[in-house]
């Protein structure tokens, strides 16, 4: 059985929080770029990603059923036009 963290959240300044958000944003964008190149998805223009209830998964060190996510890939293909591919888990 997993233990629940009862400690109060770490207090940080607004600047520290912004820096952490920037670091995460850089990682996510680079991951999208690498995936697009690897899969040769050159027509992808946009990726929307959302995940919630991440604290449960973070406590366990892996994705748990409590964490929901959604990812939508959008782009424009010359032959087929606009496309949108989405998946929720």
C-alpha atoms as a PDB file:
ATOM      1  CA  UNK A   1       0.000   0.000   0.000  1.00  0.00           C
ATOM      2  CA  UNK A   2       1.363   3.419  -0.954  1.00  0.00           C
ATOM      3  CA  UNK A   3       1.879   6.058   1.677  1.00  0.00           C
ATOM      4  CA  UNK A   4       0.270   9.452   1.237  1.00  0.00           C
ATOM      5  CA  UNK A   5       2.495  12.505   1.566  1.00  0.00           C
ATOM      6  CA  UNK A   6       1.075  14.622   4.385  1.00  0.00           C
ATOM      7  CA  UNK A   7       3.758  17.296   4.207  1.00  0.00           C
ATOM      8  CA  UNK A   8       2.700  20.791   3.111  1.00  0.00           C
ATOM      9  CA  UNK A   9       3.648  21.750  -0.445  1.00  0.00           C
ATOM     10  CA  UNK A  10       7.062  23.288  -1.027  1.00  0.00           C
ATOM     11  CA  UNK A  11       6.883  27.062  -0.878  1.00  0.00           C
ATOM     12  CA  UNK A  12       8.565  28.776  -3.805  1.00  0.00           C
ATOM     13  CA  UNK A  13       8.698  32.247  -5.214  1.00  0.00           C
ATOM     14  CA  UNK A  14       6.761  33.299  -8.299  1.00  0.00           C
ATOM     15  CA  UNK A  15      10.051  33.461 -10.220  1.00  0.00           C
ATOM     16  CA  UNK A  16      11.008  29.927  -9.163  1.00  0.00           C
ATOM     17  CA  UNK A  17       7.586  28.648 -10.237  1.00  0.00           C
ATOM     18  CA  UNK A  18       7.903  30.396 -13.595  1.00  0.00           C
ATOM     19  CA  UNK A  19      11.357  28.888 -14.112  1.00  0.00           C
ATOM     20  CA  UNK A  20      10.049  25.388 -13.365  1.00  0.00           C
ATOM     21  CA  UNK A  21       7.151  25.887 -15.801  1.00  0.00           C
ATOM     22  CA  UNK A  22       9.614  27.108 -18.456  1.00  0.00           C
ATOM     23  CA  UNK A  23      11.843  24.052 -17.959  1.00  0.00           C
ATOM     24  CA  UNK A  24       8.851  21.711 -18.320  1.00  0.00           C
ATOM     25  CA  UNK A  25       7.638  23.600 -21.387  1.00  0.00           C
ATOM     26  CA  UNK A  26      11.054  23.271 -23.053  1.00  0.00           C
ATOM     27  CA  UNK A  27      11.070  19.510 -22.406  1.00  0.00           C
ATOM     28  CA  UNK A  28       7.536  19.003 -23.713  1.00  0.00           C
ATOM     29  CA  UNK A  29       8.115  21.047 -26.873  1.00  0.00           C
ATOM     30  CA  UNK A  30      11.399  19.262 -27.627  1.00  0.00           C
ATOM     31  CA  UNK A  31       9.710  15.895 -27.038  1.00  0.00           C
ATOM     32  CA  UNK A  32       6.999  16.864 -29.561  1.00  0.00           C
ATOM     33  CA  UNK A  33       9.618  17.984 -32.078  1.00  0.00           C
ATOM     34  CA  UNK A  34      11.597  14.750 -31.678  1.00  0.00           C
ATOM     35  CA  UNK A  35       8.426  12.637 -32.040  1.00  0.00           C
ATOM     36  CA  UNK A  36       7.314  14.541 -35.158  1.00  0.00           C
ATOM     37  CA  UNK A  37      10.715  14.083 -36.787  1.00  0.00           C
ATOM     38  CA  UNK A  38      10.988  10.416 -35.779  1.00  0.00           C
ATOM     39  CA  UNK A  39       7.542   9.591 -37.189  1.00  0.00           C
ATOM     40  CA  UNK A  40       8.017  11.871 -40.236  1.00  0.00           C
ATOM     41  CA  UNK A  41       4.891  13.855 -39.387  1.00  0.00           C
ATOM     42  CA  UNK A  42       6.124  16.961 -41.175  1.00  0.00           C
ATOM     43  CA  UNK A  43       2.614  18.398 -41.629  1.00  0.00           C
ATOM     44  CA  UNK A  44       1.908  18.690 -37.897  1.00  0.00           C
ATOM     45  CA  UNK A  45       1.329  22.294 -36.894  1.00  0.00           C
ATOM     46  CA  UNK A  46       0.027  21.972 -33.365  1.00  0.00           C
ATOM     47  CA  UNK A  47      -0.056  19.586 -30.437  1.00  0.00           C
ATOM     48  CA  UNK A  48      -2.410  20.201 -27.520  1.00  0.00           C
ATOM     49  CA  UNK A  49      -1.723  18.206 -24.387  1.00  0.00           C
ATOM     50  CA  UNK A  50      -3.491  18.129 -21.065  1.00  0.00           C
ATOM     51  CA  UNK A  51      -2.977  15.961 -18.005  1.00  0.00           C
ATOM     52  CA  UNK A  52      -4.636  16.215 -14.618  1.00  0.00           C
ATOM     53  CA  UNK A  53      -4.426  14.545 -11.217  1.00  0.00           C
ATOM     54  CA  UNK A  54      -0.707  14.107 -11.818  1.00  0.00           C
ATOM     55  CA  UNK A  55       0.123  14.180  -8.106  1.00  0.00           C
ATOM     56  CA  UNK A  56      -1.246  10.635  -7.706  1.00  0.00           C
ATOM     57  CA  UNK A  57       1.039   9.300 -10.425  1.00  0.00           C
ATOM     58  CA  UNK A  58       3.989  11.336  -9.138  1.00  0.00           C
ATOM     59  CA  UNK A  59       3.579   9.748  -5.699  1.00  0.00           C
ATOM     60  CA  UNK A  60       3.735   6.285  -7.290  1.00  0.00           C
ATOM     61  CA  UNK A  61       6.429   7.121  -9.843  1.00  0.00           C
ATOM     62  CA  UNK A  62       4.302   5.909 -12.760  1.00  0.00           C
ATOM     63  CA  UNK A  63       1.042   6.640 -14.579  1.00  0.00           C
ATOM     64  CA  UNK A  64      -1.899   5.577 -12.411  1.00  0.00           C
ATOM     65  CA  UNK A  65      -5.619   5.342 -13.282  1.00  0.00           C
ATOM     66  CA  UNK A  66      -6.263   8.565 -11.338  1.00  0.00           C
ATOM     67  CA  UNK A  67      -4.330  10.574 -13.941  1.00  0.00           C
ATOM     68  CA  UNK A  68      -6.286  11.554 -17.032  1.00  0.00           C
ATOM     69  CA  UNK A  69      -4.760  12.981 -20.182  1.00  0.00           C
ATOM     70  CA  UNK A  70      -5.722  14.137 -23.624  1.00  0.00           C
ATOM     71  CA  UNK A  71      -3.547  14.752 -26.674  1.00  0.00           C
ATOM     72  CA  UNK A  72      -4.658  16.317 -29.964  1.00  0.00           C
ATOM     73  CA  UNK A  73      -2.424  16.575 -33.037  1.00  0.00           C
ATOM     74  CA  UNK A  74      -3.426  19.079 -35.704  1.00  0.00           C
ATOM     75  CA  UNK A  75      -1.939  19.891 -39.072  1.00  0.00           C
ATOM     76  CA  UNK A  76      -2.510  20.598 -42.708  1.00  0.00           C
ATOM     77  CA  UNK A  77      -1.743  18.139 -45.471  1.00  0.00           C
ATOM     78  CA  UNK A  78      -1.587  19.411 -49.067  1.00  0.00           C
ATOM     79  CA  UNK A  79      -3.423  16.352 -50.388  1.00  0.00           C
ATOM     80  CA  UNK A  80      -5.944  15.793 -47.593  1.00  0.00           C
ATOM     81  CA  UNK A  81      -6.324  19.260 -46.040  1.00  0.00           C
ATOM     82  CA  UNK A  82      -6.763  19.982 -42.336  1.00  0.00           C
ATOM     83  CA  UNK A  83      -6.560  17.044 -39.954  1.00  0.00           C
ATOM     84  CA  UNK A  84      -7.088  16.561 -36.244  1.00  0.00           C
ATOM     85  CA  UNK A  85      -6.186  13.375 -34.413  1.00  0.00           C
ATOM     86  CA  UNK A  86      -7.056  13.035 -30.749  1.00  0.00           C
ATOM     87  CA  UNK A  87      -6.968  10.535 -27.931  1.00  0.00           C
ATOM     88  CA  UNK A  88      -8.055  10.681 -24.311  1.00  0.00           C
ATOM     89  CA  UNK A  89      -6.842   8.253 -21.682  1.00  0.00           C
END
